[in-house]
């Protein structure tokens, strides 16, 4: 009556909403993390796949996406032109 009452619809959360909240939390933690640069002062290469495999338990959902994207080979030629 006073405007403080909430309906049952507002209190219920769908599984999709919970998943989106979990992803948002993982992305925010990842953005706040101090992860190693690809090229350090010693000119040593820090492989992002190694970093993600070491941190997969911290970011289980975005890790799956990162692995799928990072395994795409980089090329400037279409595949048909190679053969």
PDB file of N, CA and C in Angstrom:
ATOM      1  N   UNK A   1       0.793  -1.188   0.000  1.00  0.00           N
ATOM      2  CA  UNK A   1       0.000   0.000   0.000  1.00  0.00           C
ATOM      3  C   UNK A   1       0.845   1.265   0.000  1.00  0.00           C
ATOM      4  N   UNK A   2       1.974   1.225   0.663  1.00  0.00           N
ATOM      5  CA  UNK A   2       2.827   2.408   0.774  1.00  0.00           C
ATOM      6  C   UNK A   2       3.848   2.474  -0.350  1.00  0.00           C
ATOM      7  N   UNK A   3       3.819   1.537  -1.260  1.00  0.00           N
ATOM      8  CA  UNK A   3       4.794   1.530  -2.338  1.00  0.00           C
ATOM      9  C   UNK A   3       6.022   0.713  -2.022  1.00  0.00           C
ATOM     10  N   UNK A   4       6.137   0.159  -0.838  1.00  0.00           N
ATOM     11  CA  UNK A   4       7.286  -0.651  -0.453  1.00  0.00           C
ATOM     12  C   UNK A   4       7.079  -2.134  -0.726  1.00  0.00           C
ATOM     13  N   UNK A   5       5.855  -2.501  -1.072  1.00  0.00           N
ATOM     14  CA  UNK A   5       5.573  -3.904  -1.340  1.00  0.00           C
ATOM     15  C   UNK A   5       6.079  -4.259  -2.723  1.00  0.00           C
ATOM     16  N   UNK A   6       6.659  -5.435  -2.854  1.00  0.00           N
ATOM     17  CA  UNK A   6       7.130  -5.886  -4.165  1.00  0.00           C
ATOM     18  C   UNK A   6       6.314  -7.092  -4.581  1.00  0.00           C
ATOM     19  N   UNK A   7       6.064  -7.188  -5.846  1.00  0.00           N
ATOM     20  CA  UNK A   7       5.287  -8.311  -6.348  1.00  0.00           C
ATOM     21  C   UNK A   7       6.155  -9.555  -6.412  1.00  0.00           C
ATOM     22  N   UNK A   8       5.503 -10.691  -6.544  1.00  0.00           N
ATOM     23  CA  UNK A   8       6.223 -11.956  -6.606  1.00  0.00           C
ATOM     24  C   UNK A   8       7.079 -12.032  -7.866  1.00  0.00           C
ATOM     25  N   UNK A   9       6.653 -11.386  -8.953  1.00  0.00           N
ATOM     26  CA  UNK A   9       7.408 -11.393 -10.211  1.00  0.00           C
ATOM     27  C   UNK A   9       8.752 -10.694 -10.055  1.00  0.00           C
ATOM     28  N   UNK A  10       8.794  -9.604  -9.313  1.00  0.00           N
ATOM     29  CA  UNK A  10      10.028  -8.847  -9.134  1.00  0.00           C
ATOM     30  C   UNK A  10      11.044  -9.619  -8.304  1.00  0.00           C
ATOM     31  N   UNK A  11      10.570 -10.450  -7.371  1.00  0.00           N
ATOM     32  CA  UNK A  11      11.469 -11.191  -6.498  1.00  0.00           C
ATOM     33  C   UNK A  11      12.027 -12.447  -7.149  1.00  0.00           C
ATOM     34  N   UNK A  12      11.315 -13.008  -8.114  1.00  0.00           N
ATOM     35  CA  UNK A  12      11.789 -14.247  -8.728  1.00  0.00           C
ATOM     36  C   UNK A  12      12.822 -13.928  -9.799  1.00  0.00           C
ATOM     37  N   UNK A  13      13.859 -14.726  -9.806  1.00  0.00           N
ATOM     38  CA  UNK A  13      14.935 -14.538 -10.762  1.00  0.00           C
ATOM     39  C   UNK A  13      15.018 -15.771 -11.658  1.00  0.00           C
ATOM     40  N   UNK A  14      15.056 -15.546 -12.947  1.00  0.00           N
ATOM     41  CA  UNK A  14      15.144 -16.660 -13.881  1.00  0.00           C
ATOM     42  C   UNK A  14      16.577 -17.182 -13.914  1.00  0.00           C
ATOM     43  N   UNK A  15      16.764 -18.410 -14.370  1.00  0.00           N
ATOM     44  CA  UNK A  15      18.127 -18.937 -14.508  1.00  0.00           C
ATOM     45  C   UNK A  15      18.984 -18.083 -15.451  1.00  0.00           C
ATOM     46  N   UNK A  16      18.349 -17.523 -16.466  1.00  0.00           N
ATOM     47  CA  UNK A  16      19.090 -16.660 -17.392  1.00  0.00           C
ATOM     48  C   UNK A  16      19.594 -15.408 -16.695  1.00  0.00           C
ATOM     49  N   UNK A  17      18.758 -14.842 -15.818  1.00  0.00           N
ATOM     50  CA  UNK A  17      19.172 -13.651 -15.071  1.00  0.00           C
ATOM     51  C   UNK A  17      20.348 -13.963 -14.153  1.00  0.00           C
ATOM     52  N   UNK A  18      20.296 -15.111 -13.499  1.00  0.00           N
ATOM     53  CA  UNK A  18      21.386 -15.510 -12.607  1.00  0.00           C
ATOM     54  C   UNK A  18      22.668 -15.720 -13.398  1.00  0.00           C
ATOM     55  N   UNK A  19      22.553 -16.316 -14.588  1.00  0.00           N
ATOM     56  CA  UNK A  19      23.725 -16.547 -15.435  1.00  0.00           C
ATOM     57  C   UNK A  19      24.332 -15.215 -15.881  1.00  0.00           C
ATOM     58  N   UNK A  20      23.497 -14.284 -16.285  1.00  0.00           N
ATOM     59  CA  UNK A  20      23.986 -12.968 -16.720  1.00  0.00           C
ATOM     60  C   UNK A  20      24.669 -12.250 -15.557  1.00  0.00           C
ATOM     61  N   UNK A  21      24.103 -12.345 -14.361  1.00  0.00           N
ATOM     62  CA  UNK A  21      24.740 -11.727 -13.192  1.00  0.00           C
ATOM     63  C   UNK A  21      26.095 -12.353 -12.908  1.00  0.00           C
ATOM     64  N   UNK A  22      26.192 -13.682 -13.045  1.00  0.00           N
ATOM     65  CA  UNK A  22      27.464 -14.373 -12.813  1.00  0.00           C
ATOM     66  C   UNK A  22      28.509 -13.956 -13.842  1.00  0.00           C
ATOM     67  N   UNK A  23      28.105 -13.841 -15.100  1.00  0.00           N
ATOM     68  CA  UNK A  23      29.026 -13.407 -16.157  1.00  0.00           C
ATOM     69  C   UNK A  23      29.488 -11.976 -15.887  1.00  0.00           C
ATOM     70  N   UNK A  24      28.552 -11.103 -15.544  1.00  0.00           N
ATOM     71  CA  UNK A  24      28.918  -9.712 -15.241  1.00  0.00           C
ATOM     72  C   UNK A  24      29.923  -9.641 -14.100  1.00  0.00           C
ATOM     73  N   UNK A  25      29.728 -10.443 -13.076  1.00  0.00           N
ATOM     74  CA  UNK A  25      30.651 -10.445 -11.934  1.00  0.00           C
ATOM     75  C   UNK A  25      32.032 -10.933 -12.361  1.00  0.00           C
ATOM     76  N   UNK A  26      32.088 -11.966 -13.195  1.00  0.00           N
ATOM     77  CA  UNK A  26      33.372 -12.475 -13.677  1.00  0.00           C
ATOM     78  C   UNK A  26      34.090 -11.437 -14.533  1.00  0.00           C
ATOM     79  N   UNK A  27      33.358 -10.746 -15.396  1.00  0.00           N
ATOM     80  CA  UNK A  27      33.968  -9.724 -16.252  1.00  0.00           C
ATOM     81  C   UNK A  27      34.514  -8.580 -15.408  1.00  0.00           C
ATOM     82  N   UNK A  28      33.772  -8.164 -14.405  1.00  0.00           N
ATOM     83  CA  UNK A  28      34.246  -7.081 -13.540  1.00  0.00           C
ATOM     84  C   UNK A  28      35.493  -7.498 -12.767  1.00  0.00           C
ATOM     85  N   UNK A  29      35.533  -8.753 -12.266  1.00  0.00           N
ATOM     86  CA  UNK A  29      36.735  -9.245 -11.580  1.00  0.00           C
ATOM     87  C   UNK A  29      37.915  -9.295 -12.540  1.00  0.00           C
ATOM     88  N   UNK A  30      37.660  -9.738 -13.772  1.00  0.00           N
ATOM     89  CA  UNK A  30      38.729  -9.824 -14.777  1.00  0.00           C
ATOM     90  C   UNK A  30      39.281  -8.433 -15.095  1.00  0.00           C
ATOM     91  N   UNK A  31      38.406  -7.453 -15.247  1.00  0.00           N
ATOM     92  CA  UNK A  31      38.852  -6.094 -15.564  1.00  0.00           C
ATOM     93  C   UNK A  31      39.666  -5.493 -14.425  1.00  0.00           C
ATOM     94  N   UNK A  32      39.383  -5.894 -13.198  1.00  0.00           N
ATOM     95  CA  UNK A  32      40.115  -5.374 -12.040  1.00  0.00           C
ATOM     96  C   UNK A  32      41.439  -6.105 -11.810  1.00  0.00           C
ATOM     97  N   UNK A  33      41.603  -7.267 -12.434  1.00  0.00           N
ATOM     98  CA  UNK A  33      42.807  -8.094 -12.251  1.00  0.00           C
ATOM     99  C   UNK A  33      44.020  -7.450 -12.938  1.00  0.00           C
ATOM    100  N   UNK A  34      45.162  -7.628 -12.316  1.00  0.00           N
ATOM    101  CA  UNK A  34      46.426  -7.184 -12.916  1.00  0.00           C
ATOM    102  C   UNK A  34      47.063  -8.395 -13.590  1.00  0.00           C
ATOM    103  N   UNK A  35      46.727  -8.598 -14.835  1.00  0.00           N
ATOM    104  CA  UNK A  35      47.259  -9.738 -15.562  1.00  0.00           C
ATOM    105  C   UNK A  35      48.515  -9.337 -16.321  1.00  0.00           C
ATOM    106  N   UNK A  36      49.388 -10.292 -16.648  1.00  0.00           N
ATOM    107  CA  UNK A  36      50.660  -9.952 -17.297  1.00  0.00           C
ATOM    108  C   UNK A  36      50.457  -9.454 -18.725  1.00  0.00           C
ATOM    109  N   UNK A  37      51.313  -8.546 -19.117  1.00  0.00           N
ATOM    110  CA  UNK A  37      51.275  -8.040 -20.477  1.00  0.00           C
ATOM    111  C   UNK A  37      51.811  -9.099 -21.429  1.00  0.00           C
ATOM    112  N   UNK A  38      51.469  -8.976 -22.713  1.00  0.00           N
ATOM    113  CA  UNK A  38      51.956  -9.952 -23.680  1.00  0.00           C
ATOM    114  C   UNK A  38      53.464  -9.891 -23.841  1.00  0.00           C
ATOM    115  N   UNK A  39      54.022  -8.718 -23.716  1.00  0.00           N
ATOM    116  CA  UNK A  39      55.461  -8.563 -23.882  1.00  0.00           C
ATOM    117  C   UNK A  39      55.999  -7.816 -22.668  1.00  0.00           C
ATOM    118  N   UNK A  40      56.846  -8.446 -21.887  1.00  0.00           N
ATOM    119  CA  UNK A  40      57.391  -7.815 -20.690  1.00  0.00           C
ATOM    120  C   UNK A  40      58.677  -7.066 -21.028  1.00  0.00           C
ATOM    121  N   UNK A  41      59.256  -6.435 -20.045  1.00  0.00           N
ATOM    122  CA  UNK A  41      60.506  -5.697 -20.246  1.00  0.00           C
ATOM    123  C   UNK A  41      61.655  -6.614 -20.666  1.00  0.00           C
ATOM    124  N   UNK A  42      61.567  -7.869 -20.286  1.00  0.00           N
ATOM    125  CA  UNK A  42      62.622  -8.814 -20.646  1.00  0.00           C
ATOM    126  C   UNK A  42      62.393  -9.425 -22.030  1.00  0.00           C
ATOM    127  N   UNK A  43      61.398  -8.941 -22.732  1.00  0.00           N
ATOM    128  CA  UNK A  43      61.035  -9.440 -24.067  1.00  0.00           C
ATOM    129  C   UNK A  43      60.586 -10.896 -24.045  1.00  0.00           C
ATOM    130  N   UNK A  44      60.116 -11.350 -22.892  1.00  0.00           N
ATOM    131  CA  UNK A  44      59.589 -12.704 -22.770  1.00  0.00           C
ATOM    132  C   UNK A  44      58.109 -12.675 -23.141  1.00  0.00           C
ATOM    133  N   UNK A  45      57.681 -13.624 -23.965  1.00  0.00           N
ATOM    134  CA  UNK A  45      56.295 -13.675 -24.401  1.00  0.00           C
ATOM    135  C   UNK A  45      55.450 -14.368 -23.344  1.00  0.00           C
ATOM    136  N   UNK A  46      54.382 -13.726 -22.927  1.00  0.00           N
ATOM    137  CA  UNK A  46      53.432 -14.311 -21.982  1.00  0.00           C
ATOM    138  C   UNK A  46      52.221 -14.788 -22.760  1.00  0.00           C
ATOM    139  N   UNK A  47      52.094 -16.075 -22.928  1.00  0.00           N
ATOM    140  CA  UNK A  47      51.019 -16.661 -23.724  1.00  0.00           C
ATOM    141  C   UNK A  47      49.672 -16.492 -23.017  1.00  0.00           C
ATOM    142  N   UNK A  48      48.703 -15.879 -23.688  1.00  0.00           N
ATOM    143  CA  UNK A  48      47.396 -15.708 -23.054  1.00  0.00           C
ATOM    144  C   UNK A  48      46.693 -17.030 -22.784  1.00  0.00           C
ATOM    145  N   UNK A  49      46.945 -18.057 -23.593  1.00  0.00           N
ATOM    146  CA  UNK A  49      46.324 -19.361 -23.332  1.00  0.00           C
ATOM    147  C   UNK A  49      46.826 -19.969 -22.033  1.00  0.00           C
ATOM    148  N   UNK A  50      48.094 -19.759 -21.729  1.00  0.00           N
ATOM    149  CA  UNK A  50      48.644 -20.255 -20.463  1.00  0.00           C
ATOM    150  C   UNK A  50      48.002 -19.505 -19.305  1.00  0.00           C
ATOM    151  N   UNK A  51      47.884 -18.178 -19.434  1.00  0.00           N
ATOM    152  CA  UNK A  51      47.267 -17.377 -18.375  1.00  0.00           C
ATOM    153  C   UNK A  51      45.841 -17.841 -18.143  1.00  0.00           C
ATOM    154  N   UNK A  52      45.083 -18.040 -19.206  1.00  0.00           N
ATOM    155  CA  UNK A  52      43.694 -18.468 -19.059  1.00  0.00           C
ATOM    156  C   UNK A  52      43.594 -19.861 -18.471  1.00  0.00           C
ATOM    157  N   UNK A  53      44.490 -20.770 -18.842  1.00  0.00           N
ATOM    158  CA  UNK A  53      44.424 -22.119 -18.267  1.00  0.00           C
ATOM    159  C   UNK A  53      44.746 -22.088 -16.775  1.00  0.00           C
ATOM    160  N   UNK A  54      45.622 -21.194 -16.346  1.00  0.00           N
ATOM    161  CA  UNK A  54      45.953 -21.061 -14.930  1.00  0.00           C
ATOM    162  C   UNK A  54      44.834 -20.377 -14.145  1.00  0.00           C
ATOM    163  N   UNK A  55      44.032 -19.560 -14.810  1.00  0.00           N
ATOM    164  CA  UNK A  55      42.987 -18.797 -14.136  1.00  0.00           C
ATOM    165  C   UNK A  55      41.575 -19.247 -14.505  1.00  0.00           C
ATOM    166  N   UNK A  56      41.450 -20.420 -15.079  1.00  0.00           N
ATOM    167  CA  UNK A  56      40.142 -20.922 -15.520  1.00  0.00           C
ATOM    168  C   UNK A  56      39.163 -21.081 -14.359  1.00  0.00           C
ATOM    169  N   UNK A  57      39.656 -21.455 -13.199  1.00  0.00           N
ATOM    170  CA  UNK A  57      38.749 -21.631 -12.059  1.00  0.00           C
ATOM    171  C   UNK A  57      38.232 -20.303 -11.519  1.00  0.00           C
ATOM    172  N   UNK A  58      38.969 -19.223 -11.747  1.00  0.00           N
ATOM    173  CA  UNK A  58      38.522 -17.898 -11.301  1.00  0.00           C
ATOM    174  C   UNK A  58      37.450 -17.321 -12.212  1.00  0.00           C
ATOM    175  N   UNK A  59      37.496 -17.684 -13.478  1.00  0.00           N
ATOM    176  CA  UNK A  59      36.573 -17.150 -14.484  1.00  0.00           C
ATOM    177  C   UNK A  59      36.037 -18.299 -15.347  1.00  0.00           C
ATOM    178  N   UNK A  60      35.260 -19.213 -14.780  1.00  0.00           N
ATOM    179  CA  UNK A  60      34.887 -20.422 -15.527  1.00  0.00           C
ATOM    180  C   UNK A  60      34.062 -20.166 -16.784  1.00  0.00           C
ATOM    181  N   UNK A  61      33.207 -19.171 -16.763  1.00  0.00           N
ATOM    182  CA  UNK A  61      32.344 -18.942 -17.923  1.00  0.00           C
ATOM    183  C   UNK A  61      33.035 -18.150 -19.027  1.00  0.00           C
ATOM    184  N   UNK A  62      33.748 -17.085 -18.667  1.00  0.00           N
ATOM    185  CA  UNK A  62      34.427 -16.329 -19.721  1.00  0.00           C
ATOM    186  C   UNK A  62      35.681 -17.041 -20.196  1.00  0.00           C
ATOM    187  N   UNK A  63      36.196 -17.991 -19.400  1.00  0.00           N
ATOM    188  CA  UNK A  63      37.321 -18.819 -19.837  1.00  0.00           C
ATOM    189  C   UNK A  63      36.933 -19.617 -21.072  1.00  0.00           C
ATOM    190  N   UNK A  64      35.726 -20.169 -21.078  1.00  0.00           N
ATOM    191  CA  UNK A  64      35.261 -20.954 -22.228  1.00  0.00           C
ATOM    192  C   UNK A  64      35.260 -20.104 -23.493  1.00  0.00           C
ATOM    193  N   UNK A  65      34.815 -18.882 -23.374  1.00  0.00           N
ATOM    194  CA  UNK A  65      34.793 -17.974 -24.513  1.00  0.00           C
ATOM    195  C   UNK A  65      36.206 -17.590 -24.938  1.00  0.00           C
ATOM    196  N   UNK A  66      37.061 -17.302 -23.987  1.00  0.00           N
ATOM    197  CA  UNK A  66      38.435 -16.906 -24.300  1.00  0.00           C
ATOM    198  C   UNK A  66      39.175 -18.016 -25.038  1.00  0.00           C
ATOM    199  N   UNK A  67      39.004 -19.247 -24.604  1.00  0.00           N
ATOM    200  CA  UNK A  67      39.684 -20.364 -25.252  1.00  0.00           C
ATOM    201  C   UNK A  67      39.191 -20.525 -26.684  1.00  0.00           C
ATOM    202  N   UNK A  68      37.894 -20.382 -26.897  1.00  0.00           N
ATOM    203  CA  UNK A  68      37.356 -20.501 -28.259  1.00  0.00           C
ATOM    204  C   UNK A  68      37.905 -19.412 -29.170  1.00  0.00           C
ATOM    205  N   UNK A  69      38.017 -18.204 -28.649  1.00  0.00           N
ATOM    206  CA  UNK A  69      38.492 -17.090 -29.469  1.00  0.00           C
ATOM    207  C   UNK A  69      40.004 -17.177 -29.685  1.00  0.00           C
ATOM    208  N   UNK A  70      40.752 -17.500 -28.649  1.00  0.00           N
ATOM    209  CA  UNK A  70      42.208 -17.505 -28.752  1.00  0.00           C
ATOM    210  C   UNK A  70      42.745 -18.660 -29.587  1.00  0.00           C
ATOM    211  N   UNK A  71      41.945 -19.675 -29.830  1.00  0.00           N
ATOM    212  CA  UNK A  71      42.394 -20.791 -30.660  1.00  0.00           C
ATOM    213  C   UNK A  71      42.163 -20.551 -32.149  1.00  0.00           C
ATOM    214  N   UNK A  72      41.582 -19.432 -32.513  1.00  0.00           N
ATOM    215  CA  UNK A  72      41.370 -19.108 -33.923  1.00  0.00           C
ATOM    216  C   UNK A  72      42.705 -18.666 -34.510  1.00  0.00           C
ATOM    217  N   UNK A  73      43.184 -19.353 -35.551  1.00  0.00           N
ATOM    218  CA  UNK A  73      44.469 -18.953 -36.138  1.00  0.00           C
ATOM    219  C   UNK A  73      44.354 -17.610 -36.859  1.00  0.00           C
ATOM    220  N   UNK A  74      45.359 -16.794 -36.702  1.00  0.00           N
ATOM    221  CA  UNK A  74      45.382 -15.502 -37.369  1.00  0.00           C
ATOM    222  C   UNK A  74      45.945 -15.674 -38.778  1.00  0.00           C
ATOM    223  N   UNK A  75      45.283 -15.084 -39.738  1.00  0.00           N
ATOM    224  CA  UNK A  75      45.748 -15.143 -41.116  1.00  0.00           C
ATOM    225  C   UNK A  75      45.240 -13.927 -41.867  1.00  0.00           C
ATOM    226  N   UNK A  76      45.983 -13.508 -42.858  1.00  0.00           N
ATOM    227  CA  UNK A  76      45.539 -12.378 -43.669  1.00  0.00           C
ATOM    228  C   UNK A  76      45.034 -12.847 -45.032  1.00  0.00           C
ATOM    229  N   UNK A  77      45.156 -14.147 -45.314  1.00  0.00           N
ATOM    230  CA  UNK A  77      44.709 -14.688 -46.601  1.00  0.00           C
ATOM    231  C   UNK A  77      43.516 -15.612 -46.366  1.00  0.00           C
ATOM    232  N   UNK A  78      42.530 -15.554 -47.259  1.00  0.00           N
ATOM    233  CA  UNK A  78      41.433 -16.503 -47.152  1.00  0.00           C
ATOM    234  C   UNK A  78      41.946 -17.934 -47.314  1.00  0.00           C
ATOM    235  N   UNK A  79      41.313 -18.871 -46.685  1.00  0.00           N
ATOM    236  CA  UNK A  79      41.756 -20.263 -46.688  1.00  0.00           C
ATOM    237  C   UNK A  79      41.848 -20.841 -48.101  1.00  0.00           C
ATOM    238  N   UNK A  80      40.963 -20.437 -48.993  1.00  0.00           N
ATOM    239  CA  UNK A  80      40.962 -20.988 -50.362  1.00  0.00           C
ATOM    240  C   UNK A  80      42.226 -20.596 -51.130  1.00  0.00           C
ATOM    241  N   UNK A  81      42.781 -19.447 -50.820  1.00  0.00           N
ATOM    242  CA  UNK A  81      43.964 -18.968 -51.561  1.00  0.00           C
ATOM    243  C   UNK A  81      45.235 -19.685 -51.137  1.00  0.00           C
ATOM    244  N   UNK A  82      45.239 -20.313 -49.993  1.00  0.00           N
ATOM    245  CA  UNK A  82      46.426 -20.990 -49.499  1.00  0.00           C
ATOM    246  C   UNK A  82      46.719 -22.224 -50.343  1.00  0.00           C
ATOM    247  N   UNK A  83      45.681 -22.885 -50.806  1.00  0.00           N
ATOM    248  CA  UNK A  83      45.869 -24.122 -51.573  1.00  0.00           C
ATOM    249  C   UNK A  83      45.919 -23.779 -53.001  1.00  0.00           C
TER     250      UNK A  83
END
